[in-house]
N, C-alpha and C. Protein backbone atom coordinates (compact mmCIF):
# COMPACT_ATOMS: atom_id res chain seq x y z
N MET A 1 0.86 -1.17 0.00
CA MET A 1 0.00 0.00 0.00
C MET A 1 0.90 1.23 0.00
N ASN A 2 0.53 2.24 -0.79
CA ASN A 2 1.26 3.49 -0.88
C ASN A 2 0.42 4.58 -0.23
N ILE A 3 0.95 5.20 0.82
CA ILE A 3 0.24 6.24 1.56
C ILE A 3 1.05 7.51 1.50
N THR A 4 0.44 8.60 1.04
CA THR A 4 1.08 9.91 1.03
C THR A 4 0.45 10.75 2.12
N ILE A 5 1.31 11.35 2.95
CA ILE A 5 0.83 12.17 4.07
C ILE A 5 1.24 13.61 3.82
N LEU A 6 0.24 14.48 3.66
CA LEU A 6 0.49 15.91 3.51
C LEU A 6 0.71 16.51 4.88
N GLY A 7 1.76 17.31 5.04
CA GLY A 7 2.01 17.95 6.33
C GLY A 7 2.55 17.01 7.37
N ALA A 8 3.36 16.05 6.96
CA ALA A 8 3.86 15.02 7.88
C ALA A 8 4.82 15.56 8.94
N SER A 9 5.36 16.76 8.73
CA SER A 9 6.31 17.30 9.71
C SER A 9 5.64 18.13 10.79
N GLY A 10 4.34 18.35 10.70
CA GLY A 10 3.63 19.13 11.70
C GLY A 10 3.22 18.29 12.91
N LYS A 11 2.57 18.94 13.86
CA LYS A 11 2.16 18.24 15.09
C LYS A 11 1.25 17.06 14.80
N LEU A 12 0.20 17.26 14.05
CA LEU A 12 -0.72 16.18 13.71
C LEU A 12 -0.04 15.17 12.78
N GLY A 13 0.76 15.67 11.84
CA GLY A 13 1.43 14.80 10.89
C GLY A 13 2.39 13.82 11.53
N LYS A 14 3.13 14.28 12.54
CA LYS A 14 4.08 13.40 13.22
C LYS A 14 3.37 12.25 13.93
N VAL A 15 2.28 12.57 14.60
CA VAL A 15 1.51 11.55 15.32
C VAL A 15 0.87 10.58 14.32
N THR A 16 0.30 11.12 13.25
CA THR A 16 -0.34 10.29 12.24
C THR A 16 0.68 9.36 11.57
N THR A 17 1.84 9.90 11.24
CA THR A 17 2.90 9.10 10.61
C THR A 17 3.32 7.95 11.53
N ALA A 18 3.53 8.24 12.80
CA ALA A 18 3.93 7.20 13.75
C ALA A 18 2.86 6.11 13.84
N HIS A 19 1.60 6.53 13.87
CA HIS A 19 0.50 5.56 13.96
C HIS A 19 0.44 4.69 12.70
N LEU A 20 0.55 5.31 11.53
CA LEU A 20 0.47 4.55 10.29
C LEU A 20 1.64 3.59 10.14
N ARG A 21 2.82 4.02 10.57
CA ARG A 21 3.99 3.12 10.52
C ARG A 21 3.76 1.89 11.40
N SER A 22 3.15 2.10 12.54
CA SER A 22 2.87 1.00 13.46
C SER A 22 1.74 0.11 12.95
N ALA A 23 0.68 0.73 12.47
CA ALA A 23 -0.50 -0.03 12.04
C ALA A 23 -0.32 -0.73 10.69
N PHE A 24 0.52 -0.13 9.81
CA PHE A 24 0.72 -0.68 8.47
C PHE A 24 2.22 -0.74 8.16
N PRO A 25 2.95 -1.63 8.84
CA PRO A 25 4.40 -1.67 8.66
C PRO A 25 4.85 -2.00 7.24
N GLU A 26 3.99 -2.63 6.46
CA GLU A 26 4.34 -2.99 5.09
C GLU A 26 4.10 -1.85 4.10
N ALA A 27 3.44 -0.79 4.53
CA ALA A 27 3.07 0.31 3.64
C ALA A 27 4.29 1.17 3.29
N GLU A 28 4.27 1.67 2.07
CA GLU A 28 5.26 2.66 1.64
C GLU A 28 4.69 4.03 1.97
N LEU A 29 5.35 4.76 2.85
CA LEU A 29 4.88 6.09 3.23
C LEU A 29 5.68 7.15 2.48
N VAL A 30 4.98 8.08 1.87
CA VAL A 30 5.60 9.26 1.28
C VAL A 30 5.20 10.42 2.16
N LEU A 31 6.18 11.02 2.81
CA LEU A 31 5.93 12.08 3.78
C LEU A 31 6.24 13.42 3.13
N THR A 32 5.29 14.34 3.16
CA THR A 32 5.51 15.64 2.54
C THR A 32 5.60 16.73 3.59
N SER A 33 6.37 17.75 3.24
CA SER A 33 6.53 18.92 4.10
C SER A 33 6.90 20.10 3.21
N ARG A 34 6.48 21.30 3.59
CA ARG A 34 6.92 22.49 2.87
C ARG A 34 8.39 22.76 3.14
N SER A 35 8.88 22.29 4.29
CA SER A 35 10.28 22.46 4.66
C SER A 35 11.11 21.37 4.01
N ILE A 36 12.38 21.64 3.88
CA ILE A 36 13.29 20.63 3.34
C ILE A 36 13.64 19.66 4.46
N VAL A 37 13.41 18.39 4.23
CA VAL A 37 13.77 17.34 5.18
C VAL A 37 14.71 16.40 4.43
N SER A 38 15.89 16.21 4.98
CA SER A 38 16.91 15.45 4.24
C SER A 38 16.93 13.96 4.59
N GLU A 39 15.81 13.44 5.04
CA GLU A 39 15.73 12.02 5.36
C GLU A 39 15.03 11.28 4.22
N ALA A 40 15.33 10.01 4.08
CA ALA A 40 14.69 9.20 3.04
C ALA A 40 13.19 9.13 3.26
N GLY A 41 12.45 9.10 2.18
CA GLY A 41 10.99 8.99 2.26
C GLY A 41 10.28 10.32 2.34
N TRP A 42 11.03 11.43 2.40
CA TRP A 42 10.40 12.75 2.50
C TRP A 42 10.40 13.44 1.14
N LEU A 43 9.38 14.23 0.90
CA LEU A 43 9.24 14.99 -0.32
C LEU A 43 8.87 16.41 0.03
N GLN A 44 9.68 17.37 -0.43
CA GLN A 44 9.31 18.77 -0.21
C GLN A 44 8.17 19.10 -1.16
N PHE A 45 7.05 19.54 -0.60
CA PHE A 45 5.85 19.78 -1.40
C PHE A 45 5.03 20.89 -0.77
N ASP A 46 4.75 21.92 -1.56
CA ASP A 46 3.87 23.01 -1.13
C ASP A 46 2.56 22.85 -1.90
N PRO A 47 1.51 22.43 -1.23
CA PRO A 47 0.26 22.11 -1.93
C PRO A 47 -0.40 23.32 -2.60
N PHE A 48 0.02 24.52 -2.24
CA PHE A 48 -0.57 25.72 -2.84
C PHE A 48 0.20 26.20 -4.06
N HIS A 49 1.45 25.75 -4.21
CA HIS A 49 2.26 26.24 -5.32
C HIS A 49 2.83 25.14 -6.22
N ASP A 50 3.04 23.96 -5.69
CA ASP A 50 3.65 22.89 -6.47
C ASP A 50 2.60 22.12 -7.28
N ASP A 51 3.08 21.46 -8.31
CA ASP A 51 2.23 20.62 -9.15
C ASP A 51 1.95 19.31 -8.42
N TRP A 52 0.69 18.99 -8.27
CA TRP A 52 0.29 17.79 -7.53
C TRP A 52 0.74 16.51 -8.21
N GLU A 53 1.12 16.58 -9.47
CA GLU A 53 1.57 15.39 -10.19
C GLU A 53 2.82 14.78 -9.56
N ILE A 54 3.61 15.58 -8.84
CA ILE A 54 4.83 15.03 -8.23
C ILE A 54 4.51 14.01 -7.14
N LEU A 55 3.26 13.99 -6.68
CA LEU A 55 2.86 13.01 -5.67
C LEU A 55 2.60 11.63 -6.27
N GLY A 56 2.56 11.56 -7.58
CA GLY A 56 2.30 10.27 -8.22
C GLY A 56 0.85 9.84 -8.04
N GLN A 57 0.67 8.55 -7.84
CA GLN A 57 -0.68 8.01 -7.68
C GLN A 57 -0.76 7.17 -6.40
N PRO A 58 -0.83 7.86 -5.26
CA PRO A 58 -0.94 7.11 -4.01
C PRO A 58 -2.28 6.38 -3.91
N GLU A 59 -2.28 5.30 -3.17
CA GLU A 59 -3.55 4.60 -2.92
C GLU A 59 -4.36 5.35 -1.86
N VAL A 60 -3.63 5.98 -0.92
CA VAL A 60 -4.27 6.71 0.17
C VAL A 60 -3.58 8.06 0.29
N LEU A 61 -4.37 9.13 0.43
CA LEU A 61 -3.85 10.48 0.64
C LEU A 61 -4.40 10.98 1.97
N VAL A 62 -3.48 11.29 2.89
CA VAL A 62 -3.87 11.74 4.23
C VAL A 62 -3.47 13.21 4.36
N ASN A 63 -4.43 14.06 4.69
CA ASN A 63 -4.15 15.49 4.87
C ASN A 63 -4.00 15.82 6.35
N CYS A 64 -2.79 16.21 6.74
CA CYS A 64 -2.54 16.64 8.12
C CYS A 64 -2.17 18.12 8.18
N ILE A 65 -2.44 18.85 7.10
CA ILE A 65 -2.13 20.28 7.06
C ILE A 65 -3.27 21.03 7.72
N GLY A 66 -2.93 21.93 8.59
CA GLY A 66 -3.95 22.72 9.27
C GLY A 66 -3.39 24.02 9.80
N ALA A 67 -4.27 24.89 10.18
CA ALA A 67 -3.90 26.17 10.79
C ALA A 67 -4.73 26.31 12.06
N ILE A 68 -4.04 26.46 13.17
CA ILE A 68 -4.74 26.58 14.44
C ILE A 68 -5.06 28.04 14.75
N ARG A 69 -4.10 28.89 14.50
CA ARG A 69 -4.32 30.32 14.76
C ARG A 69 -3.76 31.13 13.61
N GLY A 70 -4.14 32.36 13.61
CA GLY A 70 -3.69 33.25 12.54
C GLY A 70 -4.86 34.04 12.00
N LYS A 71 -4.61 34.67 10.87
CA LYS A 71 -5.65 35.48 10.25
C LYS A 71 -6.76 34.59 9.70
N GLU A 72 -7.96 35.13 9.66
CA GLU A 72 -9.10 34.37 9.18
C GLU A 72 -8.89 33.89 7.75
N GLU A 73 -8.29 34.73 6.89
CA GLU A 73 -8.09 34.32 5.49
C GLU A 73 -7.08 33.18 5.38
N ASP A 74 -6.10 33.10 6.31
CA ASP A 74 -5.17 31.98 6.32
C ASP A 74 -5.90 30.69 6.69
N PHE A 75 -6.77 30.79 7.68
CA PHE A 75 -7.54 29.62 8.12
C PHE A 75 -8.40 29.10 6.96
N GLU A 76 -9.09 30.01 6.27
CA GLU A 76 -9.93 29.60 5.14
C GLU A 76 -9.09 29.03 4.01
N ARG A 77 -7.94 29.63 3.73
CA ARG A 77 -7.08 29.15 2.66
C ARG A 77 -6.60 27.73 2.94
N VAL A 78 -6.20 27.49 4.19
CA VAL A 78 -5.67 26.18 4.54
C VAL A 78 -6.78 25.14 4.62
N HIS A 79 -7.87 25.45 5.25
CA HIS A 79 -8.89 24.44 5.50
C HIS A 79 -9.90 24.27 4.37
N MET A 80 -10.16 25.31 3.62
CA MET A 80 -11.11 25.17 2.51
C MET A 80 -10.38 25.18 1.17
N GLY A 81 -9.43 26.08 1.01
CA GLY A 81 -8.70 26.17 -0.25
C GLY A 81 -7.91 24.91 -0.54
N LEU A 82 -7.31 24.34 0.49
CA LEU A 82 -6.53 23.12 0.30
C LEU A 82 -7.42 21.96 -0.13
N VAL A 83 -8.59 21.87 0.45
CA VAL A 83 -9.52 20.80 0.07
C VAL A 83 -9.92 20.98 -1.40
N ASP A 84 -10.15 22.21 -1.83
CA ASP A 84 -10.47 22.46 -3.24
C ASP A 84 -9.34 22.00 -4.14
N ARG A 85 -8.09 22.33 -3.79
CA ARG A 85 -6.94 21.92 -4.60
C ARG A 85 -6.79 20.40 -4.62
N MET A 86 -7.02 19.78 -3.47
CA MET A 86 -6.93 18.32 -3.38
C MET A 86 -7.97 17.67 -4.31
N LEU A 87 -9.18 18.17 -4.28
CA LEU A 87 -10.23 17.59 -5.11
C LEU A 87 -9.97 17.85 -6.59
N ASP A 88 -9.37 18.99 -6.92
CA ASP A 88 -9.01 19.27 -8.31
C ASP A 88 -7.97 18.27 -8.81
N ALA A 89 -7.05 17.86 -7.95
CA ALA A 89 -5.97 16.94 -8.33
C ALA A 89 -6.37 15.48 -8.19
N TYR A 90 -7.49 15.22 -7.59
CA TYR A 90 -7.93 13.87 -7.21
C TYR A 90 -7.88 12.86 -8.35
N ARG A 91 -8.52 13.14 -9.44
CA ARG A 91 -8.58 12.16 -10.55
C ARG A 91 -7.21 11.95 -11.19
N GLY A 92 -6.42 13.01 -11.30
CA GLY A 92 -5.08 12.89 -11.87
C GLY A 92 -4.15 12.04 -11.01
N MET A 93 -4.49 11.91 -9.75
CA MET A 93 -3.69 11.10 -8.83
C MET A 93 -4.21 9.66 -8.77
N GLY A 94 -5.15 9.32 -9.63
CA GLY A 94 -5.67 7.96 -9.65
C GLY A 94 -6.81 7.73 -8.67
N ALA A 95 -7.44 8.80 -8.21
CA ALA A 95 -8.58 8.73 -7.29
C ALA A 95 -8.25 7.96 -6.01
N PRO A 96 -7.25 8.43 -5.24
CA PRO A 96 -6.90 7.74 -4.01
C PRO A 96 -7.98 7.88 -2.94
N HIS A 97 -7.91 6.99 -1.95
CA HIS A 97 -8.76 7.16 -0.76
C HIS A 97 -8.23 8.40 -0.03
N ILE A 98 -9.13 9.24 0.42
CA ILE A 98 -8.70 10.47 1.12
C ILE A 98 -9.14 10.36 2.58
């Protein structure tokens, strides 16, 4: 199974990644972060600016990107705008489970 985790370097992403590694040890995890992470299995990816095609065709796409505080427009961009971008890229990614 191929699982791509958006925002894997954040608070929720770290916990989710650890859980998925434990629950599905045979799965190939692709961990994304806007920051550069020099460890194997990580992909630098900005969902608002990068081409979603670089994610390939995961079987499962997990979104752990979020905004807890900040300006209202940032909250809307992250929580609603990101979902719109994800759904736009959905079919091109092979229609993964989200």
